[in-house]
Protein backbone atom coordinates (compact mmCIF):
# COMPACT_ATOMS: atom_id res chain seq x y z
CA MET A 1 0.00 0.00 0.00
CA ASN A 2 2.88 2.37 0.75
CA VAL A 3 4.20 1.92 -2.79
CA THR A 4 0.82 2.73 -4.32
CA LEU A 5 0.39 5.82 -2.16
CA ASN A 6 3.89 7.05 -2.95
CA LEU A 7 3.22 6.74 -6.67
CA ALA A 8 0.21 9.03 -6.25
CA MET A 9 1.85 11.55 -3.93
CA ASP A 10 4.19 14.43 -4.69
CA TYR A 11 6.24 13.64 -1.59
CA PRO A 12 7.25 10.49 0.34
CA PHE A 13 4.38 9.05 2.35
CA THR A 14 4.55 6.23 4.92
CA ILE A 15 1.80 4.42 6.79
CA LYS A 16 2.94 3.05 10.13
CA THR A 17 0.99 0.15 11.63
CA PRO A 18 2.65 -0.71 14.95
CA LEU A 19 -0.22 -2.92 16.16
CA MET A 20 -0.69 -4.86 12.94
CA TYR A 21 1.10 -8.01 14.05
CA LEU A 22 -0.03 -7.98 17.68
CA THR A 23 -2.89 -10.12 18.94
CA LYS A 24 -5.75 -8.33 20.69
CA ALA A 25 -4.42 -9.66 24.01
CA GLN A 26 -0.99 -8.20 23.22
CA THR A 27 -2.62 -4.88 22.31
CA TRP A 28 -4.40 -4.82 25.69
CA GLN A 29 -1.11 -5.69 27.39
CA LEU A 30 0.58 -2.75 25.64
CA ALA A 31 -2.22 -0.43 26.78
CA ASP A 32 -1.73 -1.66 30.34
CA GLU A 33 2.06 -1.22 30.16
CA LEU A 34 1.54 2.35 28.91
CA GLY A 35 -0.84 3.03 31.81
CA VAL A 36 -3.91 3.62 29.65
CA LEU A 37 -5.80 0.33 30.01
CA ASP A 38 -8.74 1.80 31.94
CA TYR A 39 -8.95 4.77 29.59
CA ILE A 40 -9.00 2.51 26.52
CA ARG A 41 -11.64 0.27 28.12
CA THR A 42 -13.98 3.14 28.93
CA HIS A 43 -13.36 5.77 26.25
CA THR A 44 -12.97 3.78 23.05
CA HIS A 45 -15.18 1.38 21.19
CA THR A 46 -15.08 -0.71 18.07
CA CYS A 47 -18.73 -1.75 17.92
CA TYR A 48 -20.16 -1.96 14.41
CA GLU A 49 -23.43 -0.63 15.84
CA GLY A 50 -21.68 2.39 17.38
CA ILE A 51 -22.92 1.48 20.84
CA GLU A 52 -20.83 2.94 23.66
CA GLY A 53 -19.66 0.01 25.76
CA GLY A 54 -20.33 -2.28 22.81
CA CYS A 55 -23.23 -4.50 21.83
CA ARG A 56 -21.22 -7.64 22.70
CA GLN A 57 -22.76 -9.39 19.70
CA CYS A 58 -21.05 -8.04 16.58
CA PRO A 59 -17.77 -9.62 15.43
CA SER A 60 -15.80 -6.53 16.45
CA CYS A 61 -17.15 -6.55 20.00
CA ARG A 62 -16.56 -10.27 20.35
CA LEU A 63 -12.97 -9.96 19.09
CA ARG A 64 -12.23 -7.03 21.40
CA ASN A 65 -13.78 -8.72 24.43
CA GLN A 66 -12.05 -12.03 23.73
CA GLY A 67 -8.68 -10.27 23.53
CA LEU A 68 -9.33 -8.41 26.77
CA TRP A 69 -10.45 -11.62 28.50
CA GLU A 70 -7.33 -13.44 27.30
CA TYR A 71 -5.06 -10.65 28.53
CA LEU A 72 -6.74 -10.40 31.93
CA ALA A 73 -6.64 -14.20 32.30
CA GLN A 74 -2.89 -14.16 31.56
CA LYS A 75 -2.45 -11.35 34.05
CA GLY A 76 -4.43 -13.25 36.66
CA GLU A 77 -7.53 -11.05 36.74
CA ARG A 78 -10.97 -12.42 36.00
CA ASN A 79 -13.06 -9.25 36.37
CA VAL A 80 -13.89 -8.23 32.79
């Protein structure tokens, strides 16, 4: 994609995707290590329905919740 964008641009253009190869659990771990886990949990959403807190039914909500559950289970917490 970077090559295609650079062909269309008048200047060098780079897309950085630092989370691309992380699992959802690893992404939650990174948020925790950066001290923003609670903020991410309460102030962001990925729900296809746009529901704050998530609908818990759409694929995006299920993927997000599964990743969070996996991370918290690894960390030793069960309160999701």
